[in-house]
């Protein structure tokens, strides 16, 4: 990846507008940004910003001109070891039996439970975001009464959820992402955490890959992605669940909760639990025990958009 030295900030947006601007920066401009992300700047006012990184000021200015945003600020990024500095600020995360930490906090590992070591790096997701923590809490609750055998992590990021399931169940977990770098990091993290043989990485958009279909139906599917991809993939996810199979859905804000819940209920799933952390929501949905087929059109997406370029589907960090 090219070194990103300049940022273009487009602020004062609604969440929908921020996503739309991200789409324009990712796919509609002749000048590609090195990375694009959206950030919530004012939760009370529901204000977001879109942030794009460029290698040169000229590229940032050209993108701003094409977008017709002459007032959008361009800033030079100070050249520092951001990964090292970010690690120092990432405290360990406890979520039920799971304990997530960076290499700088190995001495804080708990004697019991399941520890995972994930460092910030080139792929998206260290587990400190509310969505990922919520998914881990949901997984912990599920494992108290269920023993899923066939597990699929869609949009794996750095593999936090795949690793957690593999460590807890000692079963093979399929972990897919649209970004090959995310898959590489997931496989590396699996080996580093002692579950390399249990985690299979797969680079694939949506649910198209044959290897996903041949491993279905799944007893447990993680989809910690975004609301729009969750909507597009609803029929596919529901169809790939085994009878009584569970789907942990996240990457949702509170205002999207009813929309996505209704979307999956219309495909024959039942809402069995909801977890809310700050403004983020995790839904646990279950397919009927009789194995009734999901309704609706195919939910296979061509290429869901992401919250950060190169991060696959995951919105969690």
C-alpha atoms as a PDB file:
ATOM      1  CA  UNK A   1       0.000   0.000   0.000  1.00  0.00           C
ATOM      2  CA  UNK A   2       1.234   3.498  -0.833  1.00  0.00           C
ATOM      3  CA  UNK A   3       2.152   5.703   2.084  1.00  0.00           C
ATOM      4  CA  UNK A   4      -0.756   7.988   3.002  1.00  0.00           C
ATOM      5  CA  UNK A   5       0.443  11.516   3.781  1.00  0.00           C
ATOM      6  CA  UNK A   6      -2.580  13.780   3.237  1.00  0.00           C
ATOM      7  CA  UNK A   7      -6.187  13.551   4.379  1.00  0.00           C
ATOM      8  CA  UNK A   8      -9.334  15.053   2.884  1.00  0.00           C
ATOM      9  CA  UNK A   9     -12.083  15.507   5.481  1.00  0.00           C
ATOM     10  CA  UNK A  10     -15.733  15.909   4.489  1.00  0.00           C
ATOM     11  CA  UNK A  11     -17.738  16.679   7.620  1.00  0.00           C
ATOM     12  CA  UNK A  12     -21.253  17.540   8.738  1.00  0.00           C
ATOM     13  CA  UNK A  13     -22.843  14.514   7.045  1.00  0.00           C
ATOM     14  CA  UNK A  14     -25.633  12.135   7.945  1.00  0.00           C
ATOM     15  CA  UNK A  15     -24.642   8.471   8.156  1.00  0.00           C
ATOM     16  CA  UNK A  16     -26.235   7.800   4.755  1.00  0.00           C
ATOM     17  CA  UNK A  17     -24.438  10.754   3.166  1.00  0.00           C
ATOM     18  CA  UNK A  18     -21.124   9.688   4.681  1.00  0.00           C
ATOM     19  CA  UNK A  19     -21.548   6.219   3.158  1.00  0.00           C
ATOM     20  CA  UNK A  20     -22.533   7.754  -0.180  1.00  0.00           C
ATOM     21  CA  UNK A  21     -19.456   9.987  -0.151  1.00  0.00           C
ATOM     22  CA  UNK A  22     -17.281   6.983   0.705  1.00  0.00           C
ATOM     23  CA  UNK A  23     -18.736   5.127  -2.294  1.00  0.00           C
ATOM     24  CA  UNK A  24     -17.892   8.063  -4.559  1.00  0.00           C
ATOM     25  CA  UNK A  25     -14.332   8.235  -3.291  1.00  0.00           C
ATOM     26  CA  UNK A  26     -13.877   4.466  -3.672  1.00  0.00           C
ATOM     27  CA  UNK A  27     -15.479   3.823  -7.030  1.00  0.00           C
ATOM     28  CA  UNK A  28     -16.424   6.964  -8.934  1.00  0.00           C
ATOM     29  CA  UNK A  29     -13.236   9.042  -8.986  1.00  0.00           C
ATOM     30  CA  UNK A  30     -10.397   8.644 -11.449  1.00  0.00           C
ATOM     31  CA  UNK A  31      -7.980   9.309  -8.574  1.00  0.00           C
ATOM     32  CA  UNK A  32      -7.982   6.504  -6.017  1.00  0.00           C
ATOM     33  CA  UNK A  33      -7.593   7.230  -2.338  1.00  0.00           C
ATOM     34  CA  UNK A  34      -5.187   5.017  -0.387  1.00  0.00           C
ATOM     35  CA  UNK A  35      -7.929   4.455   2.199  1.00  0.00           C
ATOM     36  CA  UNK A  36     -11.399   5.759   3.006  1.00  0.00           C
ATOM     37  CA  UNK A  37     -13.301   5.588   6.286  1.00  0.00           C
ATOM     38  CA  UNK A  38     -16.337   7.112   7.981  1.00  0.00           C
ATOM     39  CA  UNK A  39     -16.345   8.354  11.567  1.00  0.00           C
ATOM     40  CA  UNK A  40     -19.126   9.476  13.876  1.00  0.00           C
ATOM     41  CA  UNK A  41     -18.263  12.979  15.133  1.00  0.00           C
ATOM     42  CA  UNK A  42     -21.392  13.847  17.150  1.00  0.00           C
ATOM     43  CA  UNK A  43     -23.588  10.987  18.369  1.00  0.00           C
ATOM     44  CA  UNK A  44     -26.297  13.269  19.776  1.00  0.00           C
ATOM     45  CA  UNK A  45     -26.652  15.157  16.491  1.00  0.00           C
ATOM     46  CA  UNK A  46     -26.083  12.027  14.347  1.00  0.00           C
ATOM     47  CA  UNK A  47     -23.212  13.781  12.555  1.00  0.00           C
ATOM     48  CA  UNK A  48     -20.607  11.827  10.564  1.00  0.00           C
ATOM     49  CA  UNK A  49     -17.577  12.601   8.449  1.00  0.00           C
ATOM     50  CA  UNK A  50     -15.893  10.864   5.533  1.00  0.00           C
ATOM     51  CA  UNK A  51     -12.107  10.778   5.685  1.00  0.00           C
ATOM     52  CA  UNK A  52      -9.896   9.904   2.697  1.00  0.00           C
ATOM     53  CA  UNK A  53      -6.121   9.402   2.667  1.00  0.00           C
ATOM     54  CA  UNK A  54      -3.938  10.282  -0.331  1.00  0.00           C
ATOM     55  CA  UNK A  55      -0.257   9.908  -1.118  1.00  0.00           C
ATOM     56  CA  UNK A  56       0.129  13.513  -2.350  1.00  0.00           C
ATOM     57  CA  UNK A  57      -1.544  16.849  -1.737  1.00  0.00           C
ATOM     58  CA  UNK A  58      -2.177  17.150  -5.474  1.00  0.00           C
ATOM     59  CA  UNK A  59      -4.238  13.943  -5.449  1.00  0.00           C
ATOM     60  CA  UNK A  60      -6.249  15.137  -2.452  1.00  0.00           C
ATOM     61  CA  UNK A  61      -6.893  18.498  -4.131  1.00  0.00           C
ATOM     62  CA  UNK A  62      -7.891  16.817  -7.394  1.00  0.00           C
ATOM     63  CA  UNK A  63     -10.390  14.598  -5.570  1.00  0.00           C
ATOM     64  CA  UNK A  64     -11.804  17.606  -3.731  1.00  0.00           C
ATOM     65  CA  UNK A  65     -12.202  19.489  -7.021  1.00  0.00           C
ATOM     66  CA  UNK A  66     -14.007  16.580  -8.694  1.00  0.00           C
ATOM     67  CA  UNK A  67     -16.385  16.366  -5.733  1.00  0.00           C
ATOM     68  CA  UNK A  68     -16.979  20.120  -5.841  1.00  0.00           C
ATOM     69  CA  UNK A  69     -16.069  20.569  -2.173  1.00  0.00           C
ATOM     70  CA  UNK A  70     -13.739  23.540  -2.226  1.00  0.00           C
ATOM     71  CA  UNK A  71     -14.133  24.153   1.536  1.00  0.00           C
ATOM     72  CA  UNK A  72     -13.248  20.580   2.610  1.00  0.00           C
ATOM     73  CA  UNK A  73      -9.946  20.744   4.540  1.00  0.00           C
ATOM     74  CA  UNK A  74      -6.809  18.882   3.472  1.00  0.00           C
ATOM     75  CA  UNK A  75      -4.281  18.095   6.180  1.00  0.00           C
ATOM     76  CA  UNK A  76      -0.807  16.606   6.146  1.00  0.00           C
ATOM     77  CA  UNK A  77      -0.435  13.475   8.239  1.00  0.00           C
ATOM     78  CA  UNK A  78       2.488  13.534  10.610  1.00  0.00           C
ATOM     79  CA  UNK A  79       4.826  10.645   9.813  1.00  0.00           C
ATOM     80  CA  UNK A  80       4.838   8.575  12.983  1.00  0.00           C
ATOM     81  CA  UNK A  81       4.595   4.917  13.898  1.00  0.00           C
ATOM     82  CA  UNK A  82       0.833   5.036  14.295  1.00  0.00           C
ATOM     83  CA  UNK A  83       0.493   1.273  14.772  1.00  0.00           C
ATOM     84  CA  UNK A  84       2.936   1.234  17.682  1.00  0.00           C
ATOM     85  CA  UNK A  85       1.302   4.265  19.272  1.00  0.00           C
ATOM     86  CA  UNK A  86      -2.208   2.888  18.816  1.00  0.00           C
ATOM     87  CA  UNK A  87      -1.207  -0.351  20.531  1.00  0.00           C
ATOM     88  CA  UNK A  88      -0.220   1.562  23.644  1.00  0.00           C
ATOM     89  CA  UNK A  89      -3.748   2.991  23.860  1.00  0.00           C
ATOM     90  CA  UNK A  90      -5.649  -0.259  23.317  1.00  0.00           C
ATOM     91  CA  UNK A  91      -6.624  -1.715  26.658  1.00  0.00           C
ATOM     92  CA  UNK A  92      -7.558  -5.407  26.917  1.00  0.00           C
ATOM     93  CA  UNK A  93     -11.183  -6.308  26.199  1.00  0.00           C
ATOM     94  CA  UNK A  94     -13.131  -8.747  28.388  1.00  0.00           C
ATOM     95  CA  UNK A  95     -16.297 -10.230  26.869  1.00  0.00           C
ATOM     96  CA  UNK A  96     -17.690 -13.160  28.813  1.00  0.00           C
ATOM     97  CA  UNK A  97     -15.133 -15.966  28.751  1.00  0.00           C
ATOM     98  CA  UNK A  98     -13.100 -14.169  26.077  1.00  0.00           C
ATOM     99  CA  UNK A  99     -10.164 -11.881  26.816  1.00  0.00           C
ATOM    100  CA  UNK A 100      -8.683  -9.942  23.927  1.00  0.00           C
ATOM    101  CA  UNK A 101      -5.315  -8.208  24.255  1.00  0.00           C
ATOM    102  CA  UNK A 102      -2.376  -6.910  22.253  1.00  0.00           C
ATOM    103  CA  UNK A 103       1.175  -8.199  22.498  1.00  0.00           C
ATOM    104  CA  UNK A 104       1.965  -5.246  24.773  1.00  0.00           C
ATOM    105  CA  UNK A 105      -0.500  -6.618  27.371  1.00  0.00           C
ATOM    106  CA  UNK A 106       0.481 -10.283  27.538  1.00  0.00           C
ATOM    107  CA  UNK A 107       1.202  -9.941  31.244  1.00  0.00           C
ATOM    108  CA  UNK A 108      -2.476  -9.056  31.839  1.00  0.00           C
ATOM    109  CA  UNK A 109      -3.836 -12.352  30.514  1.00  0.00           C
ATOM    110  CA  UNK A 110      -6.294 -14.037  32.831  1.00  0.00           C
ATOM    111  CA  UNK A 111      -5.646 -17.454  34.278  1.00  0.00           C
ATOM    112  CA  UNK A 112      -9.053 -18.738  33.184  1.00  0.00           C
ATOM    113  CA  UNK A 113     -11.184 -18.167  30.131  1.00  0.00           C
ATOM    114  CA  UNK A 114     -10.023 -17.866  26.544  1.00  0.00           C
ATOM    115  CA  UNK A 115      -7.338 -15.327  25.686  1.00  0.00           C
ATOM    116  CA  UNK A 116      -6.597 -14.045  22.182  1.00  0.00           C
ATOM    117  CA  UNK A 117      -3.698 -11.844  21.121  1.00  0.00           C
ATOM    118  CA  UNK A 118      -4.495  -9.474  18.234  1.00  0.00           C
ATOM    119  CA  UNK A 119      -2.338  -6.499  17.302  1.00  0.00           C
ATOM    120  CA  UNK A 120      -3.284  -3.536  15.150  1.00  0.00           C
ATOM    121  CA  UNK A 121      -1.927  -3.977  11.659  1.00  0.00           C
ATOM    122  CA  UNK A 122      -2.699  -3.873   7.976  1.00  0.00           C
ATOM    123  CA  UNK A 123      -6.130  -5.524   8.198  1.00  0.00           C
ATOM    124  CA  UNK A 124      -9.237  -4.125   9.829  1.00  0.00           C
ATOM    125  CA  UNK A 125     -10.324  -5.067  13.338  1.00  0.00           C
ATOM    126  CA  UNK A 126      -8.660  -5.418  16.733  1.00  0.00           C
ATOM    127  CA  UNK A 127     -11.857  -6.256  18.614  1.00  0.00           C
ATOM    128  CA  UNK A 128     -12.114  -3.022  20.580  1.00  0.00           C
ATOM    129  CA  UNK A 129     -15.199  -1.766  18.759  1.00  0.00           C
ATOM    130  CA  UNK A 130     -18.636  -2.257  20.341  1.00  0.00           C
ATOM    131  CA  UNK A 131     -19.793  -4.484  17.498  1.00  0.00           C
ATOM    132  CA  UNK A 132     -17.003  -7.026  17.907  1.00  0.00           C
ATOM    133  CA  UNK A 133     -17.224  -7.013  21.691  1.00  0.00           C
ATOM    134  CA  UNK A 134     -20.987  -7.483  21.394  1.00  0.00           C
ATOM    135  CA  UNK A 135     -20.490 -10.442  19.057  1.00  0.00           C
ATOM    136  CA  UNK A 136     -18.111 -12.032  21.560  1.00  0.00           C
ATOM    137  CA  UNK A 137     -20.650 -11.529  24.358  1.00  0.00           C
ATOM    138  CA  UNK A 138     -23.316 -13.107  22.134  1.00  0.00           C
ATOM    139  CA  UNK A 139     -21.029 -16.049  21.314  1.00  0.00           C
ATOM    140  CA  UNK A 140     -20.285 -16.596  24.998  1.00  0.00           C
ATOM    141  CA  UNK A 141     -24.016 -16.741  25.777  1.00  0.00           C
ATOM    142  CA  UNK A 142     -24.711 -19.115  22.876  1.00  0.00           C
ATOM    143  CA  UNK A 143     -21.971 -21.518  23.944  1.00  0.00           C
ATOM    144  CA  UNK A 144     -23.620 -21.976  27.333  1.00  0.00           C
ATOM    145  CA  UNK A 145     -26.410 -24.011  25.726  1.00  0.00           C
ATOM    146  CA  UNK A 146     -25.304 -24.742  22.143  1.00  0.00           C
ATOM    147  CA  UNK A 147     -22.374 -26.599  20.603  1.00  0.00           C
ATOM    148  CA  UNK A 148     -22.137 -25.426  16.993  1.00  0.00           C
ATOM    149  CA  UNK A 149     -20.049 -27.689  14.779  1.00  0.00           C
ATOM    150  CA  UNK A 150     -20.082 -25.912  11.406  1.00  0.00           C
ATOM    151  CA  UNK A 151     -19.124 -22.246  11.797  1.00  0.00           C
ATOM    152  CA  UNK A 152     -18.720 -19.465   9.236  1.00  0.00           C
ATOM    153  CA  UNK A 153     -17.306 -15.958   9.812  1.00  0.00           C
ATOM    154  CA  UNK A 154     -18.409 -13.718   6.927  1.00  0.00           C
ATOM    155  CA  UNK A 155     -16.281 -10.572   6.586  1.00  0.00           C
ATOM    156  CA  UNK A 156     -13.680 -11.768   9.061  1.00  0.00           C
ATOM    157  CA  UNK A 157     -11.380  -8.697   9.182  1.00  0.00           C
ATOM    158  CA  UNK A 158      -8.480  -9.798  11.400  1.00  0.00           C
ATOM    159  CA  UNK A 159     -10.316 -12.976  12.401  1.00  0.00           C
ATOM    160  CA  UNK A 160     -11.271 -12.125  15.984  1.00  0.00           C
ATOM    161  CA  UNK A 161     -14.635 -13.922  15.857  1.00  0.00           C
ATOM    162  CA  UNK A 162     -13.302 -16.884  13.889  1.00  0.00           C
ATOM    163  CA  UNK A 163     -10.476 -17.299  16.420  1.00  0.00           C
ATOM    164  CA  UNK A 164     -12.856 -17.057  19.357  1.00  0.00           C
ATOM    165  CA  UNK A 165     -15.123 -19.758  17.933  1.00  0.00           C
ATOM    166  CA  UNK A 166     -12.186 -21.992  17.020  1.00  0.00           C
ATOM    167  CA  UNK A 167     -10.640 -21.664  20.472  1.00  0.00           C
ATOM    168  CA  UNK A 168     -13.929 -22.331  22.230  1.00  0.00           C
ATOM    169  CA  UNK A 169     -15.144 -25.214  20.081  1.00  0.00           C
ATOM    170  CA  UNK A 170     -11.924 -26.677  18.639  1.00  0.00           C
ATOM    171  CA  UNK A 171     -13.851 -27.046  15.395  1.00  0.00           C
ATOM    172  CA  UNK A 172     -12.995 -25.879  11.897  1.00  0.00           C
ATOM    173  CA  UNK A 173     -14.167 -22.356  11.142  1.00  0.00           C
ATOM    174  CA  UNK A 174     -14.465 -20.924   7.640  1.00  0.00           C
ATOM    175  CA  UNK A 175     -13.379 -17.261   7.647  1.00  0.00           C
ATOM    176  CA  UNK A 176     -13.996 -15.239   4.480  1.00  0.00           C
ATOM    177  CA  UNK A 177     -13.323 -11.663   3.436  1.00  0.00           C
ATOM    178  CA  UNK A 178     -13.349  -9.756   0.176  1.00  0.00           C
ATOM    179  CA  UNK A 179      -9.839  -8.462   0.981  1.00  0.00           C
ATOM    180  CA  UNK A 180      -6.949 -10.903   0.541  1.00  0.00           C
ATOM    181  CA  UNK A 181      -4.845  -9.013   3.107  1.00  0.00           C
ATOM    182  CA  UNK A 182      -7.529  -9.494   5.756  1.00  0.00           C
ATOM    183  CA  UNK A 183      -7.566 -13.222   5.029  1.00  0.00           C
ATOM    184  CA  UNK A 184      -3.769 -13.384   5.232  1.00  0.00           C
ATOM    185  CA  UNK A 185      -3.794 -11.624   8.606  1.00  0.00           C
ATOM    186  CA  UNK A 186      -6.598 -13.868   9.883  1.00  0.00           C
ATOM    187  CA  UNK A 187      -4.639 -17.009   9.020  1.00  0.00           C
ATOM    188  CA  UNK A 188      -1.515 -15.511  10.614  1.00  0.00           C
ATOM    189  CA  UNK A 189      -3.440 -14.610  13.782  1.00  0.00           C
ATOM    190  CA  UNK A 190      -4.926 -18.107  13.922  1.00  0.00           C
ATOM    191  CA  UNK A 191      -1.452 -19.668  13.836  1.00  0.00           C
ATOM    192  CA  UNK A 192      -0.178 -17.184  16.407  1.00  0.00           C
ATOM    193  CA  UNK A 193      -3.052 -18.064  18.739  1.00  0.00           C
ATOM    194  CA  UNK A 194      -2.645 -21.822  18.391  1.00  0.00           C
ATOM    195  CA  UNK A 195      -5.703 -22.526  16.220  1.00  0.00           C
ATOM    196  CA  UNK A 196      -4.086 -22.514  12.784  1.00  0.00           C
ATOM    197  CA  UNK A 197      -5.431 -25.976  11.856  1.00  0.00           C
ATOM    198  CA  UNK A 198      -8.979 -24.918  12.773  1.00  0.00           C
ATOM    199  CA  UNK A 199      -9.288 -21.672  10.783  1.00  0.00           C
ATOM    200  CA  UNK A 200      -9.577 -21.776   7.001  1.00  0.00           C
ATOM    201  CA  UNK A 201      -9.215 -18.407   5.286  1.00  0.00           C
ATOM    202  CA  UNK A 202     -11.062 -17.687   2.056  1.00  0.00           C
ATOM    203  CA  UNK A 203     -10.926 -14.591  -0.168  1.00  0.00           C
ATOM    204  CA  UNK A 204     -14.397 -14.184  -1.656  1.00  0.00           C
ATOM    205  CA  UNK A 205     -17.051 -11.503  -2.230  1.00  0.00           C
ATOM    206  CA  UNK A 206     -20.332 -12.116  -0.437  1.00  0.00           C
ATOM    207  CA  UNK A 207     -21.534 -15.707  -0.579  1.00  0.00           C
ATOM    208  CA  UNK A 208     -20.530 -16.543  -4.145  1.00  0.00           C
ATOM    209  CA  UNK A 209     -17.656 -18.958  -3.503  1.00  0.00           C
ATOM    210  CA  UNK A 210     -18.350 -22.623  -4.154  1.00  0.00           C
ATOM    211  CA  UNK A 211     -16.409 -23.626  -1.048  1.00  0.00           C
ATOM    212  CA  UNK A 212     -18.909 -21.674   1.090  1.00  0.00           C
ATOM    213  CA  UNK A 213     -21.834 -23.543  -0.434  1.00  0.00           C
ATOM    214  CA  UNK A 214     -20.185 -26.955  -0.119  1.00  0.00           C
ATOM    215  CA  UNK A 215     -19.659 -26.406   3.619  1.00  0.00           C
ATOM    216  CA  UNK A 216     -23.222 -25.236   4.260  1.00  0.00           C
ATOM    217  CA  UNK A 217     -25.477 -25.551   6.114  1.00  0.00           C
ATOM    218  CA  UNK A 218     -23.858 -23.847   9.087  1.00  0.00           C
ATOM    219  CA  UNK A 219     -24.824 -24.100  12.740  1.00  0.00           C
ATOM    220  CA  UNK A 220     -23.431 -20.609  13.401  1.00  0.00           C
ATOM    221  CA  UNK A 221     -22.771 -17.679  11.076  1.00  0.00           C
ATOM    222  CA  UNK A 222     -21.055 -14.438  12.114  1.00  0.00           C
ATOM    223  CA  UNK A 223     -21.810 -11.414   9.936  1.00  0.00           C
ATOM    224  CA  UNK A 224     -20.298  -8.358  11.614  1.00  0.00           C
ATOM    225  CA  UNK A 225     -20.564  -6.160   8.562  1.00  0.00           C
ATOM    226  CA  UNK A 226     -22.832  -3.212   7.622  1.00  0.00           C
ATOM    227  CA  UNK A 227     -26.599  -2.804   7.400  1.00  0.00           C
ATOM    228  CA  UNK A 228     -26.838  -2.615   3.606  1.00  0.00           C
ATOM    229  CA  UNK A 229     -24.723  -5.735   2.979  1.00  0.00           C
ATOM    230  CA  UNK A 230     -26.706  -7.524   5.703  1.00  0.00           C
ATOM    231  CA  UNK A 231     -29.899  -6.655   3.864  1.00  0.00           C
ATOM    232  CA  UNK A 232     -28.534  -7.808   0.506  1.00  0.00           C
ATOM    233  CA  UNK A 233     -27.233 -11.066   1.971  1.00  0.00           C
ATOM    234  CA  UNK A 234     -30.290 -11.852   4.102  1.00  0.00           C
ATOM    235  CA  UNK A 235     -31.733 -14.653   1.965  1.00  0.00           C
ATOM    236  CA  UNK A 236     -28.312 -16.189   1.396  1.00  0.00           C
ATOM    237  CA  UNK A 237     -27.419 -16.176   5.093  1.00  0.00           C
ATOM    238  CA  UNK A 238     -30.825 -17.528   6.111  1.00  0.00           C
ATOM    239  CA  UNK A 239     -30.648 -20.303   3.505  1.00  0.00           C
ATOM    240  CA  UNK A 240     -27.169 -21.348   4.628  1.00  0.00           C
ATOM    241  CA  UNK A 241     -28.246 -21.856   8.233  1.00  0.00           C
ATOM    242  CA  UNK A 242     -28.954 -25.392   9.397  1.00  0.00           C
ATOM    243  CA  UNK A 243     -32.276 -26.054  11.172  1.00  0.00           C
ATOM    244  CA  UNK A 244     -32.026 -24.262  14.553  1.00  0.00           C
ATOM    245  CA  UNK A 245     -28.855 -22.585  13.275  1.00  0.00           C
ATOM    246  CA  UNK A 246     -27.910 -19.170  14.664  1.00  0.00           C
ATOM    247  CA  UNK A 247     -26.716 -15.989  12.973  1.00  0.00           C
ATOM    248  CA  UNK A 248     -24.906 -13.262  14.902  1.00  0.00           C
ATOM    249  CA  UNK A 249     -25.488 -10.038  12.958  1.00  0.00           C
ATOM    250  CA  UNK A 250     -23.768  -6.744  13.707  1.00  0.00           C
ATOM    251  CA  UNK A 251     -22.230  -3.595  12.334  1.00  0.00           C
ATOM    252  CA  UNK A 252     -25.589  -1.962  13.072  1.00  0.00           C
ATOM    253  CA  UNK A 253     -26.529   1.277  14.746  1.00  0.00           C
ATOM    254  CA  UNK A 254     -29.618   1.506  16.954  1.00  0.00           C
ATOM    255  CA  UNK A 255     -31.632   3.221  14.254  1.00  0.00           C
ATOM    256  CA  UNK A 256     -30.985   0.256  11.921  1.00  0.00           C
ATOM    257  CA  UNK A 257     -31.984  -2.421  14.430  1.00  0.00           C
ATOM    258  CA  UNK A 258     -35.681  -2.761  13.517  1.00  0.00           C
ATOM    259  CA  UNK A 259     -34.948  -2.643   9.785  1.00  0.00           C
ATOM    260  CA  UNK A 260     -32.455  -5.527   9.824  1.00  0.00           C
ATOM    261  CA  UNK A 261     -34.440  -7.547  12.353  1.00  0.00           C
ATOM    262  CA  UNK A 262     -37.529  -7.318  10.145  1.00  0.00           C
ATOM    263  CA  UNK A 263     -35.459  -8.185   7.088  1.00  0.00           C
ATOM    264  CA  UNK A 264     -34.314 -11.484   8.601  1.00  0.00           C
ATOM    265  CA  UNK A 265     -37.650 -12.301  10.222  1.00  0.00           C
ATOM    266  CA  UNK A 266     -39.218 -12.077   6.771  1.00  0.00           C
ATOM    267  CA  UNK A 267     -36.759 -14.807   5.713  1.00  0.00           C
ATOM    268  CA  UNK A 268     -38.094 -17.153   8.382  1.00  0.00           C
ATOM    269  CA  UNK A 269     -35.645 -16.395  11.212  1.00  0.00           C
ATOM    270  CA  UNK A 270     -36.587 -15.595  14.796  1.00  0.00           C
ATOM    271  CA  UNK A 271     -34.953 -12.918  16.934  1.00  0.00           C
ATOM    272  CA  UNK A 272     -33.653 -14.663  20.045  1.00  0.00           C
ATOM    273  CA  UNK A 273     -31.450 -11.974  21.591  1.00  0.00           C
ATOM    274  CA  UNK A 274     -30.289  -8.384  21.219  1.00  0.00           C
ATOM    275  CA  UNK A 275     -27.139  -6.790  22.627  1.00  0.00           C
ATOM    276  CA  UNK A 276     -26.573  -3.030  22.662  1.00  0.00           C
ATOM    277  CA  UNK A 277     -23.209  -1.412  23.344  1.00  0.00           C
ATOM    278  CA  UNK A 278     -23.228   2.373  23.080  1.00  0.00           C
ATOM    279  CA  UNK A 279     -24.874   3.115  19.728  1.00  0.00           C
ATOM    280  CA  UNK A 280     -24.121  -0.327  18.289  1.00  0.00           C
ATOM    281  CA  UNK A 281     -26.393  -3.364  18.171  1.00  0.00           C
ATOM    282  CA  UNK A 282     -25.876  -7.120  17.837  1.00  0.00           C
ATOM    283  CA  UNK A 283     -28.805  -9.307  16.780  1.00  0.00           C
ATOM    284  CA  UNK A 284     -28.928 -13.071  17.323  1.00  0.00           C
ATOM    285  CA  UNK A 285     -31.330 -14.702  14.866  1.00  0.00           C
ATOM    286  CA  UNK A 286     -32.305 -18.373  14.634  1.00  0.00           C
ATOM    287  CA  UNK A 287     -33.660 -20.501  11.832  1.00  0.00           C
ATOM    288  CA  UNK A 288     -36.701 -22.628  12.580  1.00  0.00           C
ATOM    289  CA  UNK A 289     -36.002 -26.110  13.857  1.00  0.00           C
ATOM    290  CA  UNK A 290     -38.082 -27.684  11.083  1.00  0.00           C
ATOM    291  CA  UNK A 291     -35.639 -26.297   8.535  1.00  0.00           C
ATOM    292  CA  UNK A 292     -38.206 -24.245   6.647  1.00  0.00           C
ATOM    293  CA  UNK A 293     -36.609 -22.627   3.634  1.00  0.00           C
ATOM    294  CA  UNK A 294     -35.968 -18.907   3.640  1.00  0.00           C
ATOM    295  CA  UNK A 295     -38.266 -16.689   1.609  1.00  0.00           C
ATOM    296  CA  UNK A 296     -37.349 -13.945  -0.806  1.00  0.00           C
ATOM    297  CA  UNK A 297     -34.879 -13.416  -3.606  1.00  0.00           C
ATOM    298  CA  UNK A 298     -31.275 -14.484  -3.531  1.00  0.00           C
ATOM    299  CA  UNK A 299     -29.259 -12.362  -1.115  1.00  0.00           C
ATOM    300  CA  UNK A 300     -25.942 -12.900  -2.859  1.00  0.00           C
ATOM    301  CA  UNK A 301     -24.248  -9.518  -3.169  1.00  0.00           C
ATOM    302  CA  UNK A 302     -21.828  -8.642  -5.936  1.00  0.00           C
ATOM    303  CA  UNK A 303     -19.603  -6.448  -3.781  1.00  0.00           C
ATOM    304  CA  UNK A 304     -20.825  -4.869  -0.549  1.00  0.00           C
ATOM    305  CA  UNK A 305     -19.261  -1.542   0.315  1.00  0.00           C
ATOM    306  CA  UNK A 306     -17.175  -1.255   3.455  1.00  0.00           C
ATOM    307  CA  UNK A 307     -16.446   1.249   6.179  1.00  0.00           C
ATOM    308  CA  UNK A 308     -12.792   1.270   5.242  1.00  0.00           C
ATOM    309  CA  UNK A 309     -11.189   0.445   1.959  1.00  0.00           C
ATOM    310  CA  UNK A 310      -9.308  -2.822   2.060  1.00  0.00           C
ATOM    311  CA  UNK A 311     -11.075  -4.006   5.202  1.00  0.00           C
ATOM    312  CA  UNK A 312     -13.494  -6.515   3.703  1.00  0.00           C
ATOM    313  CA  UNK A 313     -16.923  -6.083   5.236  1.00  0.00           C
ATOM    314  CA  UNK A 314     -16.135  -5.457   8.871  1.00  0.00           C
ATOM    315  CA  UNK A 315     -17.017  -2.165  10.475  1.00  0.00           C
ATOM    316  CA  UNK A 316     -15.518  -3.215  13.793  1.00  0.00           C
ATOM    317  CA  UNK A 317     -12.133  -2.084  14.971  1.00  0.00           C
END
